[in-house]
Amino acid sequence: MRLLVIEDDAATADYIAKGLREDGHVVDVARQGRDGMFLALNEPFDVIVTDRMLPGADGLSIIRAMRASGVATPVLMLTALGEVEKRVEGLEAGADDYLAKPFAFTELRARIRALARRPASPPAADTVLEHADVRMDLLARTATRGARKLDLLPTEWRLLEFLLRHQGQVVTRTMLLEKVWDYAFDPTTNVVDVHVSRLRRKLDLPGEAPLLRTVRGAGYALG
């Protein structure tokens, strides 16, 4: 894989790049936010790893610029331990996952592999999914609710697709972590709740019947 690491701390950047190169990956390193943003917007990468705090342009600005430009490359954001609100900010800006510092390289490697395994194209069968007035065209890559277009980020798209494929069922957080994020259940992560909350805000506007409901103690369901 070709990976981009955006990290201003030289020791951390070298540590990550060395380990990933030993795994056989091609790794580009940017030490400044603006350099990282330029590469992210203009070069093809399989996964991008970026720190939250960077000189020039921070990680949030990079991710927002990517998503605004239609760049769907998966992003793993690195955050300081305990900065829960900053992790949430990153996910809401369009990051696909986060990893708190300090971290084990084995976990970083696993998170990158999980992000890279996500399918880039929809399966051949069931290319149109519908529930109530929500419609997803997987080939055209469009999603609507009634006459309103849903502007979904890549993770929100996969989340809604999974929910539509399992409409009428209660979908647990464990199922979502395994199928949407492609890693085993982690009781300390709130990544599912953050993305579900963000998807709900896009699905349910004032005056519209709520579609995505929380089933207390179980998970989520469309209905």
C-alpha atoms as a PDB file:
ATOM      1  CA  MET A   1       0.000   0.000   0.000  1.00  0.00           C
ATOM      2  CA  ARG A   2       0.946   3.618  -0.386  1.00  0.00           C
ATOM      3  CA  LEU A   3       0.480   5.466   2.887  1.00  0.00           C
ATOM      4  CA  LEU A   4       0.782   9.089   3.970  1.00  0.00           C
ATOM      5  CA  VAL A   5       1.886   9.977   7.506  1.00  0.00           C
ATOM      6  CA  ILE A   6       1.348  13.595   8.578  1.00  0.00           C
ATOM      7  CA  GLU A   7       3.137  14.113  11.893  1.00  0.00           C
ATOM      8  CA  ASP A   8       5.249  17.045  13.064  1.00  0.00           C
ATOM      9  CA  ASP A   9       7.039  15.167  15.849  1.00  0.00           C
ATOM     10  CA  ALA A  10      10.130  13.747  14.147  1.00  0.00           C
ATOM     11  CA  ALA A  11      10.568  10.788  16.510  1.00  0.00           C
ATOM     12  CA  THR A  12       6.934   9.700  16.154  1.00  0.00           C
ATOM     13  CA  ALA A  13       6.928  10.169  12.376  1.00  0.00           C
ATOM     14  CA  ASP A  14      10.143   8.173  11.984  1.00  0.00           C
ATOM     15  CA  TYR A  15       8.840   5.428  14.292  1.00  0.00           C
ATOM     16  CA  ILE A  16       5.625   5.039  12.300  1.00  0.00           C
ATOM     17  CA  ALA A  17       7.293   5.268   8.882  1.00  0.00           C
ATOM     18  CA  LYS A  18      10.030   2.779   9.800  1.00  0.00           C
ATOM     19  CA  GLY A  19       7.543   0.185  11.013  1.00  0.00           C
ATOM     20  CA  LEU A  20       5.263   0.559   8.002  1.00  0.00           C
ATOM     21  CA  ARG A  21       8.143   0.376   5.544  1.00  0.00           C
ATOM     22  CA  GLU A  22       9.362  -2.787   7.241  1.00  0.00           C
ATOM     23  CA  ASP A  23       5.899  -4.189   6.533  1.00  0.00           C
ATOM     24  CA  GLY A  24       6.518  -3.527   2.835  1.00  0.00           C
ATOM     25  CA  HIS A  25       4.501  -0.322   2.385  1.00  0.00           C
ATOM     26  CA  VAL A  26       5.495   2.815   0.517  1.00  0.00           C
ATOM     27  CA  VAL A  27       5.327   5.663   3.033  1.00  0.00           C
ATOM     28  CA  ASP A  28       5.341   9.398   2.389  1.00  0.00           C
ATOM     29  CA  VAL A  29       5.922  11.643   5.422  1.00  0.00           C
ATOM     30  CA  ALA A  30       4.841  15.265   5.812  1.00  0.00           C
ATOM     31  CA  ARG A  31       5.988  17.271   8.845  1.00  0.00           C
ATOM     32  CA  GLN A  32       3.854  20.351   8.137  1.00  0.00           C
ATOM     33  CA  GLY A  33       0.088  20.526   7.867  1.00  0.00           C
ATOM     34  CA  ARG A  34       0.125  22.418   4.575  1.00  0.00           C
ATOM     35  CA  ASP A  35       2.506  19.887   3.008  1.00  0.00           C
ATOM     36  CA  GLY A  36       0.301  17.051   4.209  1.00  0.00           C
ATOM     37  CA  MET A  37      -2.812  18.727   2.830  1.00  0.00           C
ATOM     38  CA  PHE A  38      -1.178  19.238  -0.573  1.00  0.00           C
ATOM     39  CA  LEU A  39      -0.210  15.563  -0.782  1.00  0.00           C
ATOM     40  CA  ALA A  40      -3.590  14.344   0.480  1.00  0.00           C
ATOM     41  CA  LEU A  41      -5.432  16.391  -2.138  1.00  0.00           C
ATOM     42  CA  ASN A  42      -3.140  15.691  -5.085  1.00  0.00           C
ATOM     43  CA  GLU A  43      -1.619  12.221  -4.651  1.00  0.00           C
ATOM     44  CA  PRO A  44      -3.297   8.779  -4.469  1.00  0.00           C
ATOM     45  CA  PHE A  45      -2.973   7.006  -1.105  1.00  0.00           C
ATOM     46  CA  ASP A  46      -4.608   3.905   0.311  1.00  0.00           C
ATOM     47  CA  VAL A  47      -4.719   5.251   3.890  1.00  0.00           C
ATOM     48  CA  ILE A  48      -3.676   8.522   5.529  1.00  0.00           C
ATOM     49  CA  VAL A  49      -2.485   8.780   9.140  1.00  0.00           C
ATOM     50  CA  THR A  50      -2.539  12.314  10.522  1.00  0.00           C
ATOM     51  CA  ASP A  51      -1.929  13.922  13.878  1.00  0.00           C
ATOM     52  CA  ARG A  52      -4.669  16.148  15.258  1.00  0.00           C
ATOM     53  CA  MET A  53      -2.359  19.066  16.107  1.00  0.00           C
ATOM     54  CA  LEU A  54      -0.030  20.217  13.330  1.00  0.00           C
ATOM     55  CA  PRO A  55       1.767  23.437  12.369  1.00  0.00           C
ATOM     56  CA  GLY A  56       0.385  25.251   9.335  1.00  0.00           C
ATOM     57  CA  ALA A  57      -2.910  23.397   9.025  1.00  0.00           C
ATOM     58  CA  ASP A  58      -4.208  21.014  11.662  1.00  0.00           C
ATOM     59  CA  GLY A  59      -5.586  17.537  11.091  1.00  0.00           C
ATOM     60  CA  LEU A  60      -9.190  18.735  11.113  1.00  0.00           C
ATOM     61  CA  SER A  61      -8.500  21.254   8.338  1.00  0.00           C
ATOM     62  CA  ILE A  62      -6.812  18.575   6.240  1.00  0.00           C
ATOM     63  CA  ILE A  63      -9.718  16.159   6.582  1.00  0.00           C
ATOM     64  CA  ARG A  64     -12.345  18.818   5.894  1.00  0.00           C
ATOM     65  CA  ALA A  65     -10.475  19.935   2.776  1.00  0.00           C
ATOM     66  CA  MET A  66     -10.242  16.328   1.584  1.00  0.00           C
ATOM     67  CA  ARG A  67     -13.937  15.620   2.044  1.00  0.00           C
ATOM     68  CA  ALA A  68     -14.952  18.953   0.509  1.00  0.00           C
ATOM     69  CA  SER A  69     -12.840  18.066  -2.542  1.00  0.00           C
ATOM     70  CA  GLY A  70     -14.374  14.604  -2.841  1.00  0.00           C
ATOM     71  CA  VAL A  71     -11.262  12.739  -1.658  1.00  0.00           C
ATOM     72  CA  ALA A  72     -12.567   9.603   0.068  1.00  0.00           C
ATOM     73  CA  THR A  73      -9.208   8.163   1.197  1.00  0.00           C
ATOM     74  CA  PRO A  74      -9.631   6.570   4.659  1.00  0.00           C
ATOM     75  CA  VAL A  75      -8.086   8.670   7.441  1.00  0.00           C
ATOM     76  CA  LEU A  76      -6.804   7.506  10.818  1.00  0.00           C
ATOM     77  CA  MET A  77      -6.413  10.432  13.213  1.00  0.00           C
ATOM     78  CA  LEU A  78      -3.910  10.387  16.072  1.00  0.00           C
ATOM     79  CA  THR A  79      -5.003  12.185  19.241  1.00  0.00           C
ATOM     80  CA  ALA A  80      -3.557  12.806  22.686  1.00  0.00           C
ATOM     81  CA  LEU A  81      -4.705  10.406  25.380  1.00  0.00           C
ATOM     82  CA  GLY A  82      -7.850  11.611  27.148  1.00  0.00           C
ATOM     83  CA  GLU A  83      -8.836  14.261  24.600  1.00  0.00           C
ATOM     84  CA  VAL A  84     -12.246  12.706  23.992  1.00  0.00           C
ATOM     85  CA  GLU A  85     -13.797  15.881  22.622  1.00  0.00           C
ATOM     86  CA  LYS A  86     -10.992  16.192  20.078  1.00  0.00           C
ATOM     87  CA  ARG A  87     -11.562  12.616  18.916  1.00  0.00           C
ATOM     88  CA  VAL A  88     -15.230  13.407  18.414  1.00  0.00           C
ATOM     89  CA  GLU A  89     -14.302  16.563  16.480  1.00  0.00           C
ATOM     90  CA  GLY A  90     -12.095  14.488  14.199  1.00  0.00           C
ATOM     91  CA  LEU A  91     -14.805  11.936  13.482  1.00  0.00           C
ATOM     92  CA  GLU A  92     -17.337  14.667  12.798  1.00  0.00           C
ATOM     93  CA  ALA A  93     -14.885  16.341  10.407  1.00  0.00           C
ATOM     94  CA  GLY A  94     -14.735  13.143   8.338  1.00  0.00           C
ATOM     95  CA  ALA A  95     -12.028  10.964   9.920  1.00  0.00           C
ATOM     96  CA  ASP A  96     -12.780   7.249   9.686  1.00  0.00           C
ATOM     97  CA  ASP A  97     -11.079   6.171  12.909  1.00  0.00           C
ATOM     98  CA  TYR A  98      -8.859   7.490  15.687  1.00  0.00           C
ATOM     99  CA  LEU A  99      -6.025   6.154  17.801  1.00  0.00           C
ATOM    100  CA  ALA A 100      -4.968   7.695  21.111  1.00  0.00           C
ATOM    101  CA  LYS A 101      -1.321   8.407  21.911  1.00  0.00           C
ATOM    102  CA  PRO A 102       0.690   6.639  23.175  1.00  0.00           C
ATOM    103  CA  PHE A 103      -0.168   3.616  21.039  1.00  0.00           C
ATOM    104  CA  ALA A 104       1.289   0.205  20.227  1.00  0.00           C
ATOM    105  CA  PHE A 105       2.530  -0.140  16.661  1.00  0.00           C
ATOM    106  CA  THR A 106       0.659  -3.444  16.347  1.00  0.00           C
ATOM    107  CA  GLU A 107      -2.629  -1.615  16.923  1.00  0.00           C
ATOM    108  CA  LEU A 108      -1.703   1.130  14.445  1.00  0.00           C
ATOM    109  CA  ARG A 109      -0.930  -1.547  11.858  1.00  0.00           C
ATOM    110  CA  ALA A 110      -4.240  -3.336  12.537  1.00  0.00           C
ATOM    111  CA  ARG A 111      -6.260  -0.112  12.242  1.00  0.00           C
ATOM    112  CA  ILE A 112      -4.562   0.767   8.930  1.00  0.00           C
ATOM    113  CA  ARG A 113      -5.215  -2.704   7.523  1.00  0.00           C
ATOM    114  CA  ALA A 114      -8.850  -2.524   8.601  1.00  0.00           C
ATOM    115  CA  LEU A 115      -9.299   0.824   6.845  1.00  0.00           C
ATOM    116  CA  ALA A 116      -7.586  -0.434   3.689  1.00  0.00           C
ATOM    117  CA  ARG A 117      -9.806  -3.541   3.503  1.00  0.00           C
ATOM    118  CA  ARG A 118     -13.000  -1.541   3.155  1.00  0.00           C
ATOM    119  CA  PRO A 119     -14.516  -2.108  -0.274  1.00  0.00           C
ATOM    120  CA  ALA A 120     -14.123   0.748  -2.728  1.00  0.00           C
ATOM    121  CA  SER A 121     -17.080  -0.313  -4.858  1.00  0.00           C
ATOM    122  CA  PRO A 122     -20.504  -1.745  -4.057  1.00  0.00           C
ATOM    123  CA  PRO A 123     -21.364  -5.409  -4.576  1.00  0.00           C
ATOM    124  CA  ALA A 124     -23.024  -6.383  -7.833  1.00  0.00           C
ATOM    125  CA  ALA A 125     -26.323  -7.463  -6.257  1.00  0.00           C
ATOM    126  CA  ASP A 126     -28.852  -5.120  -4.658  1.00  0.00           C
ATOM    127  CA  THR A 127     -27.495  -1.932  -6.169  1.00  0.00           C
ATOM    128  CA  VAL A 128     -30.542   0.073  -5.030  1.00  0.00           C
ATOM    129  CA  LEU A 129     -31.548   0.005  -1.358  1.00  0.00           C
ATOM    130  CA  GLU A 130     -34.742   1.589  -0.053  1.00  0.00           C
ATOM    131  CA  HIS A 131     -36.539   2.087   3.239  1.00  0.00           C
ATOM    132  CA  ALA A 132     -39.524   4.403   3.675  1.00  0.00           C
ATOM    133  CA  ASP A 133     -38.522   7.495   1.654  1.00  0.00           C
ATOM    134  CA  VAL A 134     -34.772   6.816   1.826  1.00  0.00           C
ATOM    135  CA  ARG A 135     -33.130   5.556  -1.355  1.00  0.00           C
ATOM    136  CA  MET A 136     -29.496   4.600  -1.988  1.00  0.00           C
ATOM    137  CA  ASP A 137     -28.221   3.975  -5.495  1.00  0.00           C
ATOM    138  CA  LEU A 138     -24.935   2.158  -4.969  1.00  0.00           C
ATOM    139  CA  LEU A 139     -23.860   2.387  -8.593  1.00  0.00           C
ATOM    140  CA  ALA A 140     -24.610   6.081  -9.006  1.00  0.00           C
ATOM    141  CA  ARG A 141     -23.309   6.713  -5.453  1.00  0.00           C
ATOM    142  CA  THR A 142     -26.338   8.826  -4.560  1.00  0.00           C
ATOM    143  CA  ALA A 143     -28.523   8.811  -1.458  1.00  0.00           C
ATOM    144  CA  THR A 144     -31.780  10.680  -0.996  1.00  0.00           C
ATOM    145  CA  ARG A 145     -34.588  11.097   1.470  1.00  0.00           C
ATOM    146  CA  GLY A 146     -37.633  12.069  -0.475  1.00  0.00           C
ATOM    147  CA  ALA A 147     -36.534  14.888  -2.777  1.00  0.00           C
ATOM    148  CA  ARG A 148     -33.621  15.813  -0.520  1.00  0.00           C
ATOM    149  CA  LYS A 149     -30.097  14.697  -1.372  1.00  0.00           C
ATOM    150  CA  LEU A 150     -28.108  13.233   1.532  1.00  0.00           C
ATOM    151  CA  ASP A 151     -24.533  14.497   1.581  1.00  0.00           C
ATOM    152  CA  LEU A 152     -22.793  11.547   3.239  1.00  0.00           C
ATOM    153  CA  LEU A 153     -19.141  11.082   4.126  1.00  0.00           C
ATOM    154  CA  PRO A 154     -17.595   7.683   3.278  1.00  0.00           C
ATOM    155  CA  THR A 155     -18.112   6.133   6.718  1.00  0.00           C
ATOM    156  CA  GLU A 156     -21.673   7.477   6.918  1.00  0.00           C
ATOM    157  CA  TRP A 157     -22.342   5.922   3.508  1.00  0.00           C
ATOM    158  CA  ARG A 158     -21.150   2.481   4.641  1.00  0.00           C
ATOM    159  CA  LEU A 159     -23.105   2.800   7.876  1.00  0.00           C
ATOM    160  CA  LEU A 160     -26.371   3.664   6.135  1.00  0.00           C
ATOM    161  CA  GLU A 161     -25.827   0.914   3.560  1.00  0.00           C
ATOM    162  CA  PHE A 162     -25.364  -1.664   6.330  1.00  0.00           C
ATOM    163  CA  LEU A 163     -28.475  -0.455   8.144  1.00  0.00           C
ATOM    164  CA  LEU A 164     -30.526  -0.588   4.940  1.00  0.00           C
ATOM    165  CA  ARG A 165     -29.312  -4.110   4.218  1.00  0.00           C
ATOM    166  CA  HIS A 166     -30.460  -5.100   7.717  1.00  0.00           C
ATOM    167  CA  GLN A 167     -33.694  -3.108   7.928  1.00  0.00           C
ATOM    168  CA  GLY A 168     -36.195  -4.646  10.280  1.00  0.00           C
ATOM    169  CA  GLN A 169     -33.357  -5.908  12.495  1.00  0.00           C
ATOM    170  CA  VAL A 170     -31.648  -4.483  15.552  1.00  0.00           C
ATOM    171  CA  VAL A 171     -28.013  -3.866  14.634  1.00  0.00           C
ATOM    172  CA  THR A 172     -25.598  -3.986  17.581  1.00  0.00           C
ATOM    173  CA  ARG A 173     -22.514  -1.820  18.061  1.00  0.00           C
ATOM    174  CA  THR A 174     -20.387  -4.969  17.821  1.00  0.00           C
ATOM    175  CA  MET A 175     -21.877  -5.785  14.416  1.00  0.00           C
ATOM    176  CA  LEU A 176     -21.193  -2.271  13.183  1.00  0.00           C
ATOM    177  CA  LEU A 177     -17.594  -2.271  14.410  1.00  0.00           C
ATOM    178  CA  GLU A 178     -16.949  -5.617  12.718  1.00  0.00           C
ATOM    179  CA  LYS A 179     -18.742  -4.916   9.431  1.00  0.00           C
ATOM    180  CA  VAL A 180     -18.367  -1.155   8.917  1.00  0.00           C
ATOM    181  CA  TRP A 181     -15.043  -0.527  10.681  1.00  0.00           C
ATOM    182  CA  ASP A 182     -13.714  -4.081  10.242  1.00  0.00           C
ATOM    183  CA  TYR A 183     -12.240  -4.573  13.691  1.00  0.00           C
ATOM    184  CA  ALA A 184     -13.226  -6.448  16.809  1.00  0.00           C
ATOM    185  CA  PHE A 185     -15.336  -4.906  19.559  1.00  0.00           C
ATOM    186  CA  ASP A 186     -13.544  -2.320  21.668  1.00  0.00           C
ATOM    187  CA  PRO A 187     -15.591  -1.326  24.745  1.00  0.00           C
ATOM    188  CA  THR A 188     -13.631   1.932  25.129  1.00  0.00           C
ATOM    189  CA  THR A 189     -14.455   3.392  21.708  1.00  0.00           C
ATOM    190  CA  ASN A 190     -17.377   5.693  20.958  1.00  0.00           C
ATOM    191  CA  VAL A 191     -16.710   5.759  17.215  1.00  0.00           C
ATOM    192  CA  VAL A 192     -20.023   4.023  16.431  1.00  0.00           C
ATOM    193  CA  ASP A 193     -22.127   6.381  18.548  1.00  0.00           C
ATOM    194  CA  VAL A 194     -20.499   9.467  17.030  1.00  0.00           C
ATOM    195  CA  HIS A 195     -21.106   8.344  13.453  1.00  0.00           C
ATOM    196  CA  VAL A 196     -24.663   7.182  14.172  1.00  0.00           C
ATOM    197  CA  SER A 197     -25.421  10.565  15.754  1.00  0.00           C
ATOM    198  CA  ARG A 198     -24.002  12.387  12.736  1.00  0.00           C
ATOM    199  CA  LEU A 199     -25.929  10.171  10.295  1.00  0.00           C
ATOM    200  CA  ARG A 200     -29.133  10.714  12.273  1.00  0.00           C
ATOM    201  CA  ARG A 201     -28.745  14.497  11.982  1.00  0.00           C
ATOM    202  CA  LYS A 202     -28.505  14.174   8.210  1.00  0.00           C
ATOM    203  CA  LEU A 203     -31.386  11.713   7.895  1.00  0.00           C
ATOM    204  CA  ASP A 204     -33.902  13.364  10.195  1.00  0.00           C
ATOM    205  CA  LEU A 205     -34.580  17.044   9.656  1.00  0.00           C
ATOM    206  CA  PRO A 206     -37.326  18.974  11.496  1.00  0.00           C
ATOM    207  CA  GLY A 207     -40.741  17.988  10.195  1.00  0.00           C
ATOM    208  CA  GLU A 208     -39.587  14.572   9.000  1.00  0.00           C
ATOM    209  CA  ALA A 209     -40.426  11.322  10.782  1.00  0.00           C
ATOM    210  CA  PRO A 210     -37.352   9.973  12.643  1.00  0.00           C
ATOM    211  CA  LEU A 211     -35.971   6.879  10.931  1.00  0.00           C
ATOM    212  CA  LEU A 212     -32.868   5.832  12.830  1.00  0.00           C
ATOM    213  CA  ARG A 213     -33.744   4.859  16.373  1.00  0.00           C
ATOM    214  CA  THR A 214     -31.702   3.670  19.341  1.00  0.00           C
ATOM    215  CA  VAL A 215     -32.818   0.410  20.926  1.00  0.00           C
ATOM    216  CA  ARG A 216     -31.823   0.741  24.576  1.00  0.00           C
ATOM    217  CA  GLY A 217     -29.284  -1.888  25.623  1.00  0.00           C
ATOM    218  CA  ALA A 218     -29.203  -3.442  22.160  1.00  0.00           C
ATOM    219  CA  GLY A 219     -28.166  -1.154  19.313  1.00  0.00           C
ATOM    220  CA  TYR A 220     -29.839   0.644  16.429  1.00  0.00           C
ATOM    221  CA  ALA A 221     -32.607   0.017  13.933  1.00  0.00           C
ATOM    222  CA  LEU A 222     -34.284   1.677  10.969  1.00  0.00           C
ATOM    223  CA  GLY A 223     -37.988   2.093  11.430  1.00  0.00           C
END
